[in-house]
């Protein structure tokens, strides 16, 4: 649980043409969602109090009308001074615009792997390859790492040609597995089974905000932002007010609302009962 006087840190990095500019100490707000499926992770970032030349540079370089078609990347880190920051989001900037007066900011809308929609790839594996081998080939073509936590079953005559981003869907059709890109990692795990070593303990003493809500698949709970919670991980919930929801869950949707100079600084977790 975050101490009241613990300094909040929010950091945004923007990469254009291989050059990364990092913005910290400014007023920054961000919202978004990360999914444990083939949906693209989403993030909207607003950066206030930029110098005019910096604002103009960001808006011009990330404009959809810019003739430079190389990918424009953004990463968002957040945390508190006592425990350090964690990577909240990593993806491609798809649009940018100034906000309305009087407080003008640069607003950036981002999606994970959006640049890969326009990249065509072709993969042909051996007649009999393992699921882990195929996953490794897919991760390499996506330019990300691999976190493989599924049963390593054989795959016959795997072949794929098409948009690089759609490989996530194709890979997910090979068995009872969850396949998704989370920040800079391709995750392949057994369906409805949480990732190992990714446990978040949630109760009234660990930063839970309000009481959990019941959903069709399990629970929805709000938690002060920490460095342990991740999409696909295990949620261990204890609720004194709503004891029927006490138990273990797998996180399938991880929303976030953060700011370094106002109230929002939390995860919005949706998880399925194990």
Protein backbone atom coordinates (compact mmCIF):
# COMPACT_ATOMS: atom_id res chain seq x y z
CA UNK A 1 0.00 0.00 0.00
CA UNK A 2 1.29 3.45 -0.92
CA UNK A 3 2.26 5.76 1.92
CA UNK A 4 0.42 9.09 1.81
CA UNK A 5 3.61 11.14 1.57
CA UNK A 6 5.36 8.79 -0.86
CA UNK A 7 6.27 10.78 -3.98
CA UNK A 8 4.48 9.65 -7.14
CA UNK A 9 6.63 9.23 -10.25
CA UNK A 10 5.15 9.21 -13.76
CA UNK A 11 7.51 9.07 -16.73
CA UNK A 12 6.76 9.12 -20.47
CA UNK A 13 9.25 8.22 -23.18
CA UNK A 14 8.63 9.04 -26.84
CA UNK A 15 10.79 7.47 -29.54
CA UNK A 16 11.03 9.00 -33.01
CA UNK A 17 13.65 7.90 -35.56
CA UNK A 18 15.44 5.88 -32.90
CA UNK A 19 15.82 8.89 -30.57
CA UNK A 20 14.09 8.70 -27.19
CA UNK A 21 12.97 11.82 -25.31
CA UNK A 22 11.86 11.25 -21.72
CA UNK A 23 9.42 13.57 -19.93
CA UNK A 24 9.18 13.57 -16.14
CA UNK A 25 8.27 16.14 -13.50
CA UNK A 26 5.56 17.64 -15.72
CA UNK A 27 1.85 17.19 -15.09
CA UNK A 28 1.02 13.85 -16.74
CA UNK A 29 -2.27 11.96 -16.86
CA UNK A 30 -2.81 8.52 -18.40
CA UNK A 31 -5.58 5.97 -18.80
CA UNK A 32 -5.62 2.65 -20.57
CA UNK A 33 -6.40 -1.06 -20.67
CA UNK A 34 -4.24 -4.16 -21.05
CA UNK A 35 -5.82 -7.44 -22.21
CA UNK A 36 -4.93 -11.11 -21.77
CA UNK A 37 -6.09 -11.84 -25.32
CA UNK A 38 -5.35 -10.76 -28.90
CA UNK A 39 -6.90 -7.29 -28.42
CA UNK A 40 -4.45 -4.43 -28.68
CA UNK A 41 -3.59 -2.75 -25.39
CA UNK A 42 -4.78 0.86 -25.28
CA UNK A 43 -3.37 3.98 -23.67
CA UNK A 44 -4.13 7.71 -23.75
CA UNK A 45 -1.51 10.06 -22.31
CA UNK A 46 -1.79 13.80 -21.69
CA UNK A 47 1.37 15.84 -20.99
CA UNK A 48 0.91 19.39 -19.67
CA UNK A 49 3.24 22.39 -19.32
CA UNK A 50 5.52 21.54 -22.23
CA UNK A 51 7.59 24.24 -23.85
CA UNK A 52 6.05 25.51 -27.09
CA UNK A 53 8.86 24.12 -29.25
CA UNK A 54 8.64 20.72 -27.52
CA UNK A 55 4.89 20.61 -27.99
CA UNK A 56 5.20 21.53 -31.68
CA UNK A 57 7.88 18.87 -32.18
CA UNK A 58 5.76 16.09 -30.66
CA UNK A 59 2.61 17.09 -32.56
CA UNK A 60 4.42 17.35 -35.90
CA UNK A 61 6.45 14.14 -35.57
CA UNK A 62 3.50 12.01 -34.42
CA UNK A 63 0.93 13.47 -36.80
CA UNK A 64 -0.76 10.96 -39.15
CA UNK A 65 0.06 13.42 -41.96
CA UNK A 66 3.79 13.21 -41.28
CA UNK A 67 5.56 11.70 -44.29
CA UNK A 68 7.96 9.85 -41.98
CA UNK A 69 6.32 6.42 -41.86
CA UNK A 70 8.67 4.88 -39.30
CA UNK A 71 6.99 3.75 -36.11
CA UNK A 72 6.61 6.23 -33.27
CA UNK A 73 6.84 4.49 -29.92
CA UNK A 74 5.73 5.48 -26.44
CA UNK A 75 6.40 3.96 -23.06
CA UNK A 76 4.77 4.87 -19.76
CA UNK A 77 6.36 4.12 -16.39
CA UNK A 78 4.84 4.88 -13.00
CA UNK A 79 5.41 4.13 -9.35
CA UNK A 80 6.39 5.72 -6.07
CA UNK A 81 9.75 6.88 -4.79
CA UNK A 82 10.06 4.23 -2.06
CA UNK A 83 9.61 1.20 -4.35
CA UNK A 84 10.52 2.50 -7.82
CA UNK A 85 8.65 2.55 -11.11
CA UNK A 86 7.23 -0.22 -13.27
CA UNK A 87 6.38 -0.34 -16.97
CA UNK A 88 2.68 0.42 -17.32
CA UNK A 89 2.40 0.51 -21.11
CA UNK A 90 4.51 0.23 -24.24
CA UNK A 91 3.18 0.68 -27.77
CA UNK A 92 2.82 2.80 -30.89
CA UNK A 93 1.44 6.34 -31.08
CA UNK A 94 -1.52 6.32 -33.48
CA UNK A 95 -2.68 9.94 -33.09
CA UNK A 96 -1.77 13.18 -31.35
CA UNK A 97 -3.57 16.43 -30.73
CA UNK A 98 -3.61 19.43 -28.37
CA UNK A 99 -6.32 19.48 -25.70
CA UNK A 100 -8.84 22.30 -25.44
CA UNK A 101 -7.92 25.57 -23.61
CA UNK A 102 -7.34 26.86 -21.04
CA UNK A 103 -4.96 24.10 -19.92
CA UNK A 104 -3.41 23.01 -23.21
CA UNK A 105 -1.66 19.65 -23.23
CA UNK A 106 -0.43 17.19 -25.82
CA UNK A 107 -2.74 14.18 -25.97
CA UNK A 108 -1.29 10.96 -27.39
CA UNK A 109 -3.39 7.90 -28.20
CA UNK A 110 -1.51 4.63 -28.44
CA UNK A 111 -2.02 0.96 -29.26
CA UNK A 112 0.28 -2.00 -28.71
CA UNK A 113 1.73 -3.41 -31.94
CA UNK A 114 -0.19 -1.06 -34.21
CA UNK A 115 2.78 -0.56 -36.54
CA UNK A 116 2.84 -4.32 -37.20
CA UNK A 117 -0.52 -4.17 -38.96
CA UNK A 118 1.30 -2.94 -42.05
CA UNK A 119 4.15 -5.46 -41.86
CA UNK A 120 3.70 -8.65 -43.91
CA UNK A 121 5.55 -11.74 -42.69
CA UNK A 122 5.80 -15.36 -43.76
CA UNK A 123 6.66 -18.21 -41.37
CA UNK A 124 6.99 -21.89 -42.27
CA UNK A 125 8.03 -24.27 -39.52
CA UNK A 126 9.23 -27.88 -39.79
CA UNK A 127 6.56 -30.58 -40.38
CA UNK A 128 6.59 -31.29 -36.66
CA UNK A 129 7.57 -28.40 -34.39
CA UNK A 130 6.78 -27.71 -30.78
CA UNK A 131 4.39 -24.99 -29.66
CA UNK A 132 7.31 -23.27 -27.95
CA UNK A 133 9.34 -23.26 -31.18
CA UNK A 134 6.45 -21.75 -33.12
CA UNK A 135 5.88 -19.19 -30.37
CA UNK A 136 9.55 -18.23 -30.49
CA UNK A 137 9.38 -17.69 -34.25
CA UNK A 138 6.29 -15.52 -33.86
CA UNK A 139 7.88 -13.47 -31.06
CA UNK A 140 10.98 -12.90 -33.22
CA UNK A 141 8.90 -11.65 -36.15
CA UNK A 142 7.03 -9.31 -33.80
CA UNK A 143 10.28 -7.96 -32.35
CA UNK A 144 9.37 -8.86 -28.77
CA UNK A 145 10.51 -11.31 -26.11
CA UNK A 146 8.73 -14.56 -25.24
CA UNK A 147 7.17 -15.62 -21.93
CA UNK A 148 6.10 -19.22 -22.57
CA UNK A 149 4.06 -20.87 -19.82
CA UNK A 150 1.94 -23.42 -21.67
CA UNK A 151 2.03 -27.16 -22.25
CA UNK A 152 4.58 -27.65 -25.05
CA UNK A 153 2.46 -29.66 -27.48
CA UNK A 154 3.52 -30.65 -31.03
CA UNK A 155 2.32 -28.51 -33.93
CA UNK A 156 2.10 -29.99 -37.43
CA UNK A 157 3.01 -28.02 -40.57
CA UNK A 158 2.63 -24.56 -39.07
CA UNK A 159 2.53 -21.92 -41.79
CA UNK A 160 1.50 -18.28 -41.71
CA UNK A 161 1.57 -15.44 -44.24
CA UNK A 162 -0.06 -12.11 -43.55
CA UNK A 163 0.02 -9.09 -41.26
CA UNK A 164 2.52 -9.57 -38.44
CA UNK A 165 -0.01 -8.44 -35.81
CA UNK A 166 -2.52 -11.15 -36.78
CA UNK A 167 -0.07 -13.89 -35.82
CA UNK A 168 -1.27 -13.49 -32.25
CA UNK A 169 -4.74 -14.64 -33.34
CA UNK A 170 -3.34 -17.49 -35.43
CA UNK A 171 -1.14 -18.74 -32.61
CA UNK A 172 -4.06 -18.67 -30.19
CA UNK A 173 -5.98 -21.07 -32.44
CA UNK A 174 -3.40 -23.85 -31.93
CA UNK A 175 -4.81 -25.04 -28.62
CA UNK A 176 -6.39 -24.19 -25.28
CA UNK A 177 -4.00 -21.29 -24.72
CA UNK A 178 -4.07 -17.57 -24.04
CA UNK A 179 -1.82 -15.61 -26.40
CA UNK A 180 -1.25 -11.87 -26.14
CA UNK A 181 1.36 -9.14 -26.42
CA UNK A 182 1.86 -7.29 -23.16
CA UNK A 183 4.20 -4.33 -23.56
CA UNK A 184 7.34 -5.86 -25.15
CA UNK A 185 6.58 -9.52 -24.45
CA UNK A 186 4.60 -12.21 -26.25
CA UNK A 187 2.87 -14.25 -23.56
CA UNK A 188 1.74 -17.81 -24.26
CA UNK A 189 0.09 -19.61 -21.35
CA UNK A 190 -2.47 -22.32 -20.71
CA UNK A 191 -6.02 -20.96 -20.87
CA UNK A 192 -7.57 -19.86 -17.58
CA UNK A 193 -4.33 -20.59 -15.74
CA UNK A 194 -2.52 -17.59 -14.17
CA UNK A 195 1.13 -16.88 -14.80
CA UNK A 196 3.56 -18.33 -12.28
CA UNK A 197 5.39 -15.99 -9.90
CA UNK A 198 2.88 -13.20 -10.67
CA UNK A 199 0.80 -12.95 -7.51
CA UNK A 200 -1.10 -9.90 -6.29
CA UNK A 201 -2.56 -10.10 -2.78
CA UNK A 202 -5.57 -7.81 -2.44
CA UNK A 203 -7.30 -6.94 0.81
CA UNK A 204 -8.14 -3.87 2.87
CA UNK A 205 -4.52 -3.71 4.10
CA UNK A 206 -2.77 -3.90 0.72
CA UNK A 207 -4.29 -0.90 -1.05
CA UNK A 208 -7.74 -2.09 -2.12
CA UNK A 209 -10.03 0.86 -2.81
CA UNK A 210 -13.66 0.33 -1.85
CA UNK A 211 -15.13 -3.16 -2.06
CA UNK A 212 -14.88 -5.67 -4.95
CA UNK A 213 -17.71 -6.00 -7.46
CA UNK A 214 -19.02 -9.29 -8.78
CA UNK A 215 -19.04 -9.82 -12.56
CA UNK A 216 -20.13 -12.59 -14.95
CA UNK A 217 -16.62 -14.06 -14.94
CA UNK A 218 -15.46 -13.21 -11.45
CA UNK A 219 -14.61 -9.87 -9.87
CA UNK A 220 -13.73 -6.27 -10.57
CA UNK A 221 -11.58 -4.51 -8.00
CA UNK A 222 -9.72 -1.22 -7.72
CA UNK A 223 -6.21 -1.23 -6.24
CA UNK A 224 -3.56 1.43 -5.69
CA UNK A 225 -1.00 1.02 -8.44
CA UNK A 226 1.84 -1.34 -7.55
CA UNK A 227 4.71 -3.06 -9.32
CA UNK A 228 3.46 -6.65 -8.94
CA UNK A 229 0.10 -6.68 -10.68
CA UNK A 230 0.13 -7.77 -14.31
CA UNK A 231 -2.40 -8.96 -16.86
CA UNK A 232 -2.52 -12.75 -16.81
CA UNK A 233 -1.27 -12.93 -13.24
CA UNK A 234 -2.91 -14.42 -10.16
CA UNK A 235 -5.13 -12.28 -7.92
CA UNK A 236 -5.61 -13.49 -4.34
CA UNK A 237 -8.56 -11.58 -2.93
CA UNK A 238 -9.75 -11.41 0.67
CA UNK A 239 -12.88 -9.34 1.33
CA UNK A 240 -14.16 -8.89 4.87
CA UNK A 241 -17.30 -7.07 3.70
CA UNK A 242 -18.01 -9.40 0.76
CA UNK A 243 -16.55 -12.75 1.89
CA UNK A 244 -18.23 -14.74 -0.90
CA UNK A 245 -15.71 -13.25 -3.32
CA UNK A 246 -12.67 -14.31 -1.30
CA UNK A 247 -10.47 -16.62 -3.39
CA UNK A 248 -7.98 -16.84 -6.26
CA UNK A 249 -8.54 -15.35 -9.71
CA UNK A 250 -6.72 -14.91 -13.04
CA UNK A 251 -6.43 -11.31 -14.26
CA UNK A 252 -7.77 -11.01 -17.82
CA UNK A 253 -8.20 -7.23 -18.05
CA UNK A 254 -6.05 -4.61 -16.38
CA UNK A 255 -7.15 -0.99 -16.59
CA UNK A 256 -5.20 1.93 -15.18
CA UNK A 257 -5.83 5.56 -14.30
CA UNK A 258 -2.79 7.52 -13.13
CA UNK A 259 -1.66 11.07 -12.57
CA UNK A 260 1.28 12.53 -10.71
CA UNK A 261 -0.51 15.64 -9.41
CA UNK A 262 -4.08 14.53 -8.71
CA UNK A 263 -6.06 11.66 -7.23
CA UNK A 264 -6.12 8.84 -9.83
CA UNK A 265 -3.29 6.37 -9.23
CA UNK A 266 -4.74 2.91 -9.44
CA UNK A 267 -5.34 -0.33 -11.29
CA UNK A 268 -8.86 -1.38 -12.28
CA UNK A 269 -8.63 -5.17 -12.32
CA UNK A 270 -11.04 -7.64 -13.87
CA UNK A 271 -10.33 -11.26 -13.06
CA UNK A 272 -11.92 -14.67 -13.61
CA UNK A 273 -12.45 -17.12 -10.77
CA UNK A 274 -10.06 -20.06 -10.87
